[in-house]
Amino acid sequence: GKQRELVANIGSNGRTNYADSAKGRFTISRDNAKNTVYLQMNSLN
């Protein structure tokens, strides 16, 4: 019932951007060798 929203993104230079709701709890990372991006989510509610 809600709109899609940004959680976090990461640029090619490794710069990250987080939604306020994700700051301090979620961590985005990337492994270019594996063509993979991760989202570690802690303290989920």
All heavy atoms as atom14 arrays in JSON, in Angstrom:
{
  "sequence": "GKQRELVANIGSNGRTNYADSAKGRFTISRDNAKNTVYLQMNSLN",
  "atom14_mask": [
    [1, 1, 1, 1, 0, 0, 0, 0, 0, 0, 0, 0, 0, 0],
    [1, 1, 1, 1, 1, 1, 1, 1, 1, 0, 0, 0, 0, 0],
    [1, 1, 1, 1, 1, 1, 1, 1, 1, 0, 0, 0, 0, 0],
    [1, 1, 1, 1, 1, 1, 1, 1, 1, 1, 1, 0, 0, 0],
    [1, 1, 1, 1, 1, 1, 1, 1, 1, 0, 0, 0, 0, 0],
    [1, 1, 1, 1, 1, 1, 1, 1, 0, 0, 0, 0, 0, 0],
    [1, 1, 1, 1, 1, 1, 1, 0, 0, 0, 0, 0, 0, 0],
    [1, 1, 1, 1, 1, 0, 0, 0, 0, 0, 0, 0, 0, 0],
    [1, 1, 1, 1, 1, 1, 1, 1, 0, 0, 0, 0, 0, 0],
    [1, 1, 1, 1, 1, 1, 1, 1, 0, 0, 0, 0, 0, 0],
    [1, 1, 1, 1, 0, 0, 0, 0, 0, 0, 0, 0, 0, 0],
    [1, 1, 1, 1, 1, 1, 0, 0, 0, 0, 0, 0, 0, 0],
    [1, 1, 1, 1, 1, 1, 1, 1, 0, 0, 0, 0, 0, 0],
    [1, 1, 1, 1, 0, 0, 0, 0, 0, 0, 0, 0, 0, 0],
    [1, 1, 1, 1, 1, 1, 1, 1, 1, 1, 1, 0, 0, 0],
    [1, 1, 1, 1, 1, 1, 1, 0, 0, 0, 0, 0, 0, 0],
    [1, 1, 1, 1, 1, 1, 1, 1, 0, 0, 0, 0, 0, 0],
    [1, 1, 1, 1, 1, 1, 1, 1, 1, 1, 1, 1, 0, 0],
    [1, 1, 1, 1, 1, 0, 0, 0, 0, 0, 0, 0, 0, 0],
    [1, 1, 1, 1, 1, 1, 1, 1, 0, 0, 0, 0, 0, 0],
    [1, 1, 1, 1, 1, 1, 0, 0, 0, 0, 0, 0, 0, 0],
    [1, 1, 1, 1, 1, 0, 0, 0, 0, 0, 0, 0, 0, 0],
    [1, 1, 1, 1, 1, 1, 1, 1, 1, 0, 0, 0, 0, 0],
    [1, 1, 1, 1, 0, 0, 0, 0, 0, 0, 0, 0, 0, 0],
    [1, 1, 1, 1, 1, 1, 1, 1, 1, 1, 1, 0, 0, 0],
    [1, 1, 1, 1, 1, 1, 1, 1, 1, 1, 1, 0, 0, 0],
    [1, 1, 1, 1, 1, 1, 1, 0, 0, 0, 0, 0, 0, 0],
    [1, 1, 1, 1, 1, 1, 1, 1, 0, 0, 0, 0, 0, 0],
    [1, 1, 1, 1, 1, 1, 0, 0, 0, 0, 0, 0, 0, 0],
    [1, 1, 1, 1, 1, 1, 1, 1, 1, 1, 1, 0, 0, 0],
    [1, 1, 1, 1, 1, 1, 1, 1, 0, 0, 0, 0, 0, 0],
    [1, 1, 1, 1, 1, 1, 1, 1, 0, 0, 0, 0, 0, 0],
    [1, 1, 1, 1, 1, 0, 0, 0, 0, 0, 0, 0, 0, 0],
    [1, 1, 1, 1, 1, 1, 1, 1, 1, 0, 0, 0, 0, 0],
    [1, 1, 1, 1, 1, 1, 1, 1, 0, 0, 0, 0, 0, 0],
    [1, 1, 1, 1, 1, 1, 1, 0, 0, 0, 0, 0, 0, 0],
    [1, 1, 1, 1, 1, 1, 1, 0, 0, 0, 0, 0, 0, 0],
    [1, 1, 1, 1, 1, 1, 1, 1, 1, 1, 1, 1, 0, 0],
    [1, 1, 1, 1, 1, 1, 1, 1, 0, 0, 0, 0, 0, 0],
    [1, 1, 1, 1, 1, 1, 1, 1, 1, 0, 0, 0, 0, 0],
    [1, 1, 1, 1, 1, 1, 1, 1, 0, 0, 0, 0, 0, 0],
    [1, 1, 1, 1, 1, 1, 1, 1, 0, 0, 0, 0, 0, 0],
    [1, 1, 1, 1, 1, 1, 0, 0, 0, 0, 0, 0, 0, 0],
    [1, 1, 1, 1, 1, 1, 1, 1, 0, 0, 0, 0, 0, 0],
    [1, 1, 1, 1, 1, 1, 1, 1, 0, 0, 0, 0, 0, 0]
  ],
  "atom14_positions": [
    [[0.78, -1.23, 0.0], [0.0, 0.0, 0.0], [0.81, 1.28, 0.0], [0.24, 2.37, 0.11], [0.0, 0.0, 0.0], [0.0, 0.0, 0.0], [0.0, 0.0, 0.0], [0.0, 0.0, 0.0], [0.0, 0.0, 0.0], [0.0, 0.0, 0.0], [0.0, 0.0, 0.0], [0.0, 0.0, 0.0], [0.0, 0.0, 0.0], [0.0, 0.0, 0.0]],
    [[2.12, 1.15, -0.14], [2.98, 2.34, -0.11], [3.81, 2.44, -1.39], [3.94, 1.47, -2.14], [3.9, 2.31, 1.11], [3.16, 2.39, 2.44], [4.12, 2.53, 3.59], [3.36, 2.68, 4.9], [4.29, 2.83, 6.06], [0.0, 0.0, 0.0], [0.0, 0.0, 0.0], [0.0, 0.0, 0.0], [0.0, 0.0, 0.0], [0.0, 0.0, 0.0]],
    [[4.37, 3.61, -1.6], [5.22, 3.8, -2.77], [6.6, 3.2, -2.54], [7.06, 3.09, -1.4], [5.35, 5.31, -3.07], [4.08, 5.95, -3.6], [4.32, 7.38, -4.07], [5.19, 8.08, -3.54], [3.55, 7.81, -5.06], [0.0, 0.0, 0.0], [0.0, 0.0, 0.0], [0.0, 0.0, 0.0], [0.0, 0.0, 0.0], [0.0, 0.0, 0.0]],
    [[7.23, 2.86, -3.61], [8.6, 2.37, -3.54], [9.51, 3.52, -3.11], [9.37, 4.65, -3.58], [9.05, 1.82, -4.89], [10.31, 1.01, -4.85], [10.58, 0.33, -6.19], [9.52, -0.6, -6.55], [9.59, -1.43, -7.59], [10.66, -1.42, -8.37], [8.59, -2.23, -7.88], [0.0, 0.0, 0.0], [0.0, 0.0, 0.0], [0.0, 0.0, 0.0]],
    [[10.44, 3.19, -2.2], [11.32, 4.22, -1.68], [12.77, 3.75, -1.66], [13.04, 2.55, -1.52], [10.91, 4.61, -0.26], [10.98, 3.47, 0.74], [10.57, 3.89, 2.16], [10.14, 5.04, 2.35], [10.7, 3.05, 3.07], [0.0, 0.0, 0.0], [0.0, 0.0, 0.0], [0.0, 0.0, 0.0], [0.0, 0.0, 0.0], [0.0, 0.0, 0.0]],
    [[13.66, 4.71, -1.78], [15.08, 4.4, -1.69], [15.45, 4.01, -0.27], [15.04, 4.65, 0.69], [15.9, 5.62, -2.11], [17.42, 5.5, -1.93], [18.01, 4.51, -2.91], [18.08, 6.86, -2.05], [0.0, 0.0, 0.0], [0.0, 0.0, 0.0], [0.0, 0.0, 0.0], [0.0, 0.0, 0.0], [0.0, 0.0, 0.0], [0.0, 0.0, 0.0]],
    [[16.25, 2.96, -0.17], [16.82, 2.56, 1.12], [18.27, 3.04, 1.18], [18.68, 3.72, 2.12], [16.77, 1.04, 1.32], [17.44, 0.65, 2.63], [15.32, 0.55, 1.28], [0.0, 0.0, 0.0], [0.0, 0.0, 0.0], [0.0, 0.0, 0.0], [0.0, 0.0, 0.0], [0.0, 0.0, 0.0], [0.0, 0.0, 0.0], [0.0, 0.0, 0.0]],
    [[19.05, 2.68, 0.16], [20.46, 3.09, 0.1], [20.97, 2.84, -1.3], [20.46, 1.96, -2.01], [21.3, 2.3, 1.11], [0.0, 0.0, 0.0], [0.0, 0.0, 0.0], [0.0, 0.0, 0.0], [0.0, 0.0, 0.0], [0.0, 0.0, 0.0], [0.0, 0.0, 0.0], [0.0, 0.0, 0.0], [0.0, 0.0, 0.0], [0.0, 0.0, 0.0]],
    [[21.97, 3.62, -1.69], [22.67, 3.31, -2.94], [24.16, 3.6, -2.78], [24.59, 4.23, -1.81], [22.07, 4.05, -4.14], [22.11, 5.55, -4.01], [22.9, 6.11, -3.26], [21.26, 6.23, -4.78], [0.0, 0.0, 0.0], [0.0, 0.0, 0.0], [0.0, 0.0, 0.0], [0.0, 0.0, 0.0], [0.0, 0.0, 0.0], [0.0, 0.0, 0.0]],
    [[24.91, 3.07, -3.74], [26.35, 3.2, -3.7], [26.86, 3.44, -5.12], [26.49, 2.72, -6.06], [27.01, 1.95, -3.05], [28.52, 2.12, -2.96], [26.62, 0.66, -3.75], [29.18, 1.07, -2.05], [0.0, 0.0, 0.0], [0.0, 0.0, 0.0], [0.0, 0.0, 0.0], [0.0, 0.0, 0.0], [0.0, 0.0, 0.0], [0.0, 0.0, 0.0]],
    [[27.66, 4.48, -5.26], [28.17, 4.83, -6.57], [29.39, 4.02, -6.96], [29.93, 3.23, -6.19], [0.0, 0.0, 0.0], [0.0, 0.0, 0.0], [0.0, 0.0, 0.0], [0.0, 0.0, 0.0], [0.0, 0.0, 0.0], [0.0, 0.0, 0.0], [0.0, 0.0, 0.0], [0.0, 0.0, 0.0], [0.0, 0.0, 0.0], [0.0, 0.0, 0.0]],
    [[29.83, 4.26, -8.2], [31.0, 3.56, -8.7], [32.26, 3.92, -7.91], [33.21, 3.14, -7.85], [31.22, 3.87, -10.18], [31.36, 5.27, -10.38], [0.0, 0.0, 0.0], [0.0, 0.0, 0.0], [0.0, 0.0, 0.0], [0.0, 0.0, 0.0], [0.0, 0.0, 0.0], [0.0, 0.0, 0.0], [0.0, 0.0, 0.0], [0.0, 0.0, 0.0]],
    [[32.23, 5.09, -7.26], [33.37, 5.52, -6.45], [33.25, 5.08, -5.0], [34.08, 5.43, -4.17], [33.51, 7.04, -6.5], [32.26, 7.76, -6.01], [31.31, 7.12, -5.56], [32.26, 9.07, -6.11], [0.0, 0.0, 0.0], [0.0, 0.0, 0.0], [0.0, 0.0, 0.0], [0.0, 0.0, 0.0], [0.0, 0.0, 0.0], [0.0, 0.0, 0.0]],
    [[32.2, 4.32, -4.71], [32.01, 3.82, -3.35], [31.24, 4.76, -2.44], [30.99, 4.43, -1.28], [0.0, 0.0, 0.0], [0.0, 0.0, 0.0], [0.0, 0.0, 0.0], [0.0, 0.0, 0.0], [0.0, 0.0, 0.0], [0.0, 0.0, 0.0], [0.0, 0.0, 0.0], [0.0, 0.0, 0.0], [0.0, 0.0, 0.0], [0.0, 0.0, 0.0]],
    [[30.85, 5.89, -2.97], [30.1, 6.84, -2.15], [28.7, 6.29, -1.89], [28.02, 5.83, -2.8], [30.01, 8.19, -2.84], [29.39, 9.28, -2.0], [29.58, 10.64, -2.65], [29.07, 11.72, -1.81], [29.23, 13.01, -2.1], [29.89, 13.37, -3.19], [28.74, 13.93, -1.29], [0.0, 0.0, 0.0], [0.0, 0.0, 0.0], [0.0, 0.0, 0.0]],
    [[28.27, 6.39, -0.64], [26.98, 5.82, -0.24], [25.98, 6.91, 0.12], [26.33, 8.02, 0.52], [27.14, 4.87, 0.95], [27.75, 5.59, 2.05], [28.03, 3.69, 0.6], [0.0, 0.0, 0.0], [0.0, 0.0, 0.0], [0.0, 0.0, 0.0], [0.0, 0.0, 0.0], [0.0, 0.0, 0.0], [0.0, 0.0, 0.0], [0.0, 0.0, 0.0]],
    [[24.71, 6.53, 0.01], [23.62, 7.42, 0.34], [22.54, 6.58, 1.0], [22.2, 5.5, 0.49], [23.07, 8.07, -0.94], [21.89, 8.95, -0.68], [21.89, 9.75, 0.24], [20.85, 8.8, -1.48], [0.0, 0.0, 0.0], [0.0, 0.0, 0.0], [0.0, 0.0, 0.0], [0.0, 0.0, 0.0], [0.0, 0.0, 0.0], [0.0, 0.0, 0.0]],
    [[22.04, 7.05, 2.16], [21.06, 6.29, 2.91], [19.8, 7.1, 3.18], [19.88, 8.31, 3.44], [21.63, 5.86, 4.26], [22.74, 4.85, 4.19], [24.07, 5.25, 4.15], [22.46, 3.48, 4.18], [25.1, 4.32, 4.1], [23.48, 2.54, 4.13], [24.8, 2.97, 4.08], [25.8, 2.04, 4.02], [0.0, 0.0, 0.0], [0.0, 0.0, 0.0]],
    [[18.69, 6.42, 3.17], [17.46, 7.03, 3.68], [17.61, 7.21, 5.18], [18.35, 6.46, 5.84], [16.27, 6.13, 3.37], [0.0, 0.0, 0.0], [0.0, 0.0, 0.0], [0.0, 0.0, 0.0], [0.0, 0.0, 0.0], [0.0, 0.0, 0.0], [0.0, 0.0, 0.0], [0.0, 0.0, 0.0], [0.0, 0.0, 0.0], [0.0, 0.0, 0.0]],
    [[16.91, 8.18, 5.71], [17.0, 8.43, 7.15], [16.63, 7.18, 7.96], [17.22, 6.9, 9.0], [16.09, 9.59, 7.55], [16.63, 10.94, 7.09], [17.84, 11.02, 6.76], [15.84, 11.9, 7.06], [0.0, 0.0, 0.0], [0.0, 0.0, 0.0], [0.0, 0.0, 0.0], [0.0, 0.0, 0.0], [0.0, 0.0, 0.0], [0.0, 0.0, 0.0]],
    [[15.67, 6.42, 7.46], [15.22, 5.23, 8.18], [16.28, 4.14, 8.22], [16.21, 3.23, 9.05], [13.94, 4.69, 7.54], [14.18, 4.36, 6.19], [0.0, 0.0, 0.0], [0.0, 0.0, 0.0], [0.0, 0.0, 0.0], [0.0, 0.0, 0.0], [0.0, 0.0, 0.0], [0.0, 0.0, 0.0], [0.0, 0.0, 0.0], [0.0, 0.0, 0.0]],
    [[17.24, 4.22, 7.32], [18.28, 3.19, 7.23], [19.58, 3.58, 7.93], [20.39, 2.7, 8.26], [18.57, 2.89, 5.76], [0.0, 0.0, 0.0], [0.0, 0.0, 0.0], [0.0, 0.0, 0.0], [0.0, 0.0, 0.0], [0.0, 0.0, 0.0], [0.0, 0.0, 0.0], [0.0, 0.0, 0.0], [0.0, 0.0, 0.0], [0.0, 0.0, 0.0]],
    [[19.77, 4.85, 8.17], [21.03, 5.31, 8.74], [21.26, 4.7, 10.12], [20.37, 4.69, 10.97], [21.03, 6.84, 8.84], [21.13, 7.54, 7.5], [21.06, 9.05, 7.65], [21.13, 9.73, 6.29], [20.98, 11.2, 6.39], [0.0, 0.0, 0.0], [0.0, 0.0, 0.0], [0.0, 0.0, 0.0], [0.0, 0.0, 0.0], [0.0, 0.0, 0.0]],
    [[22.45, 4.17, 10.3], [22.82, 3.6, 11.58], [22.42, 2.15, 11.76], [22.87, 1.49, 12.71], [0.0, 0.0, 0.0], [0.0, 0.0, 0.0], [0.0, 0.0, 0.0], [0.0, 0.0, 0.0], [0.0, 0.0, 0.0], [0.0, 0.0, 0.0], [0.0, 0.0, 0.0], [0.0, 0.0, 0.0], [0.0, 0.0, 0.0], [0.0, 0.0, 0.0]],
    [[21.55, 1.65, 10.87], [21.11, 0.26, 10.99], [21.5, -0.59, 9.78], [21.78, -1.78, 9.91], [19.58, 0.2, 11.16], [19.05, 0.9, 12.37], [17.56, 0.61, 12.56], [16.77, 1.06, 11.42], [15.88, 0.28, 10.8], [15.67, -0.95, 11.19], [15.18, 0.76, 9.78], [0.0, 0.0, 0.0], [0.0, 0.0, 0.0], [0.0, 0.0, 0.0]],
    [[21.47, 0.03, 8.61], [21.74, -0.71, 7.36], [23.08, -0.26, 6.79], [23.49, 0.9, 6.93], [20.66, -0.42, 6.33], [19.28, -0.9, 6.69], [19.02, -1.57, 7.88], [18.22, -0.69, 5.81], [17.74, -2.01, 8.2], [16.94, -1.12, 6.12], [16.7, -1.77, 7.31], [0.0, 0.0, 0.0], [0.0, 0.0, 0.0], [0.0, 0.0, 0.0]],
    [[23.74, -1.19, 6.11], [25.0, -0.88, 5.44], [24.97, -1.46, 4.03], [24.74, -2.67, 3.86], [26.2, -1.46, 6.2], [26.22, -0.95, 7.53], [27.5, -1.09, 5.51], [0.0, 0.0, 0.0], [0.0, 0.0, 0.0], [0.0, 0.0, 0.0], [0.0, 0.0, 0.0], [0.0, 0.0, 0.0], [0.0, 0.0, 0.0], [0.0, 0.0, 0.0]],
    [[25.21, -0.6, 3.06], [25.29, -1.05, 1.68], [26.76, -1.17, 1.3], [27.6, -0.36, 1.71], [24.55, -0.09, 0.71], [24.44, -0.69, -0.68], [25.2, 1.29, 0.69], [23.52, 0.08, -1.61], [0.0, 0.0, 0.0], [0.0, 0.0, 0.0], [0.0, 0.0, 0.0], [0.0, 0.0, 0.0], [0.0, 0.0, 0.0], [0.0, 0.0, 0.0]],
    [[27.07, -2.21, 0.53], [28.43, -2.41, 0.07], [28.4, -3.1, -1.29], [27.36, -3.62, -1.7], [29.23, -3.25, 1.08], [28.64, -4.53, 1.25], [0.0, 0.0, 0.0], [0.0, 0.0, 0.0], [0.0, 0.0, 0.0], [0.0, 0.0, 0.0], [0.0, 0.0, 0.0], [0.0, 0.0, 0.0], [0.0, 0.0, 0.0], [0.0, 0.0, 0.0]],
    [[29.52, -3.07, -1.95], [29.59, -3.7, -3.27], [30.9, -4.44, -3.42], [31.93, -4.04, -2.84], [29.43, -2.66, -4.38], [30.52, -1.63, -4.45], [30.14, -0.48, -5.43], [30.03, -0.95, -6.8], [29.4, -0.27, -7.76], [28.82, 0.9, -7.48], [29.34, -0.76, -8.99], [0.0, 0.0, 0.0], [0.0, 0.0, 0.0], [0.0, 0.0, 0.0]],
    [[30.86, -5.52, -4.21], [32.05, -6.27, -4.56], [32.09, -6.32, -6.08], [31.37, -7.12, -6.7], [31.98, -7.68, -3.96], [33.25, -8.48, -4.19], [34.01, -8.16, -5.13], [33.46, -9.45, -3.45], [0.0, 0.0, 0.0], [0.0, 0.0, 0.0], [0.0, 0.0, 0.0], [0.0, 0.0, 0.0], [0.0, 0.0, 0.0], [0.0, 0.0, 0.0]],
    [[32.89, -5.47, -6.67], [32.93, -5.38, -8.13], [33.46, -6.65, -8.77], [33.09, -6.98, -9.89], [33.76, -4.18, -8.56], [33.09, -2.85, -8.23], [31.87, -2.79, -8.04], [33.88, -1.81, -8.15], [0.0, 0.0, 0.0], [0.0, 0.0, 0.0], [0.0, 0.0, 0.0], [0.0, 0.0, 0.0], [0.0, 0.0, 0.0], [0.0, 0.0, 0.0]],
    [[34.3, -7.37, -8.07], [34.84, -8.62, -8.61], [33.75, -9.68, -8.74], [33.86, -10.58, -9.58], [35.96, -9.13, -7.73], [0.0, 0.0, 0.0], [0.0, 0.0, 0.0], [0.0, 0.0, 0.0], [0.0, 0.0, 0.0], [0.0, 0.0, 0.0], [0.0, 0.0, 0.0], [0.0, 0.0, 0.0], [0.0, 0.0, 0.0], [0.0, 0.0, 0.0]],
    [[32.71, -9.55, -7.91], [31.61, -10.52, -7.93], [30.34, -9.93, -8.55], [29.28, -10.58, -8.53], [31.31, -11.01, -6.52], [32.46, -11.78, -5.89], [32.09, -12.28, -4.5], [33.23, -13.09, -3.89], [32.89, -13.59, -2.53], [0.0, 0.0, 0.0], [0.0, 0.0, 0.0], [0.0, 0.0, 0.0], [0.0, 0.0, 0.0], [0.0, 0.0, 0.0]],
    [[30.42, -8.7, -9.06], [29.23, -8.04, -9.64], [28.06, -8.06, -8.66], [26.91, -8.27, -9.07], [28.82, -8.71, -10.95], [29.71, -8.33, -12.1], [30.75, -7.7, -11.91], [29.32, -8.7, -13.3], [0.0, 0.0, 0.0], [0.0, 0.0, 0.0], [0.0, 0.0, 0.0], [0.0, 0.0, 0.0], [0.0, 0.0, 0.0], [0.0, 0.0, 0.0]],
    [[28.34, -7.82, -7.41], [27.33, -7.98, -6.36], [27.28, -6.76, -5.46], [28.31, -6.18, -5.11], [27.65, -9.23, -5.51], [27.7, -10.38, -6.37], [26.58, -9.45, -4.45], [0.0, 0.0, 0.0], [0.0, 0.0, 0.0], [0.0, 0.0, 0.0], [0.0, 0.0, 0.0], [0.0, 0.0, 0.0], [0.0, 0.0, 0.0], [0.0, 0.0, 0.0]],
    [[26.05, -6.4, -5.1], [25.82, -5.38, -4.09], [25.08, -6.03, -2.93], [24.23, -6.91, -3.13], [25.03, -4.18, -4.66], [23.68, -4.6, -5.23], [24.88, -3.07, -3.64], [0.0, 0.0, 0.0], [0.0, 0.0, 0.0], [0.0, 0.0, 0.0], [0.0, 0.0, 0.0], [0.0, 0.0, 0.0], [0.0, 0.0, 0.0], [0.0, 0.0, 0.0]],
    [[25.43, -5.6, -1.74], [24.86, -6.18, -0.52], [24.14, -5.12, 0.28], [24.45, -3.93, 0.21], [25.97, -6.78, 0.35], [26.82, -7.8, -0.33], [28.06, -7.45, -0.87], [26.41, -9.13, -0.43], [28.86, -8.4, -1.5], [27.2, -10.08, -1.06], [28.43, -9.7, -1.59], [29.21, -10.63, -2.21], [0.0, 0.0, 0.0], [0.0, 0.0, 0.0]],
    [[23.2, -5.58, 1.08], [22.57, -4.7, 2.06], [22.51, -5.46, 3.38], [21.73, -6.42, 3.51], [21.16, -4.28, 1.63], [20.49, -3.27, 2.56], [21.21, -1.92, 2.51], [19.01, -3.1, 2.21], [0.0, 0.0, 0.0], [0.0, 0.0, 0.0], [0.0, 0.0, 0.0], [0.0, 0.0, 0.0], [0.0, 0.0, 0.0], [0.0, 0.0, 0.0]],
    [[23.34, -5.06, 4.31], [23.31, -5.63, 5.64], [22.32, -4.84, 6.48], [22.45, -3.63, 6.62], [24.7, -5.56, 6.29], [24.75, -6.04, 7.72], [24.48, -7.54, 7.84], [25.04, -8.34, 7.09], [23.61, -7.91, 8.76], [0.0, 0.0, 0.0], [0.0, 0.0, 0.0], [0.0, 0.0, 0.0], [0.0, 0.0, 0.0], [0.0, 0.0, 0.0]],
    [[21.33, -5.53, 7.01], [20.27, -4.87, 7.77], [20.29, -5.39, 9.2], [20.14, -6.6, 9.42], [18.91, -5.14, 7.13], [18.84, -4.72, 5.67], [17.17, -4.86, 4.98], [16.96, -6.63, 4.98], [0.0, 0.0, 0.0], [0.0, 0.0, 0.0], [0.0, 0.0, 0.0], [0.0, 0.0, 0.0], [0.0, 0.0, 0.0], [0.0, 0.0, 0.0]],
    [[20.48, -4.5, 10.13], [20.5, -4.84, 11.56], [19.36, -4.13, 12.27], [18.78, -3.17, 11.77], [21.84, -4.44, 12.16], [23.01, -5.16, 11.53], [22.91, -6.32, 11.11], [24.15, -4.48, 11.45], [0.0, 0.0, 0.0], [0.0, 0.0, 0.0], [0.0, 0.0, 0.0], [0.0, 0.0, 0.0], [0.0, 0.0, 0.0], [0.0, 0.0, 0.0]],
    [[19.07, -4.6, 13.46], [18.03, -3.99, 14.29], [16.73, -3.81, 13.52], [16.1, -2.74, 13.54], [18.52, -2.64, 14.84], [19.7, -2.78, 15.6], [0.0, 0.0, 0.0], [0.0, 0.0, 0.0], [0.0, 0.0, 0.0], [0.0, 0.0, 0.0], [0.0, 0.0, 0.0], [0.0, 0.0, 0.0], [0.0, 0.0, 0.0], [0.0, 0.0, 0.0]],
    [[16.32, -4.84, 12.85], [15.11, -4.76, 12.02], [13.88, -4.59, 12.89], [13.8, -5.11, 14.0], [14.99, -6.02, 11.17], [15.98, -6.09, 9.99], [16.1, -7.52, 9.49], [15.52, -5.17, 8.88], [0.0, 0.0, 0.0], [0.0, 0.0, 0.0], [0.0, 0.0, 0.0], [0.0, 0.0, 0.0], [0.0, 0.0, 0.0], [0.0, 0.0, 0.0]],
    [[12.92, -3.83, 12.36], [11.64, -3.68, 13.04], [10.52, -3.92, 12.04], [10.74, -4.06, 10.83], [11.55, -2.29, 13.69], [11.77, -1.16, 12.71], [11.05, -1.05, 11.72], [12.76, -0.31, 12.97], [0.0, 0.0, 0.0], [0.0, 0.0, 0.0], [0.0, 0.0, 0.0], [0.0, 0.0, 0.0], [0.0, 0.0, 0.0], [0.0, 0.0, 0.0]]
  ]
}
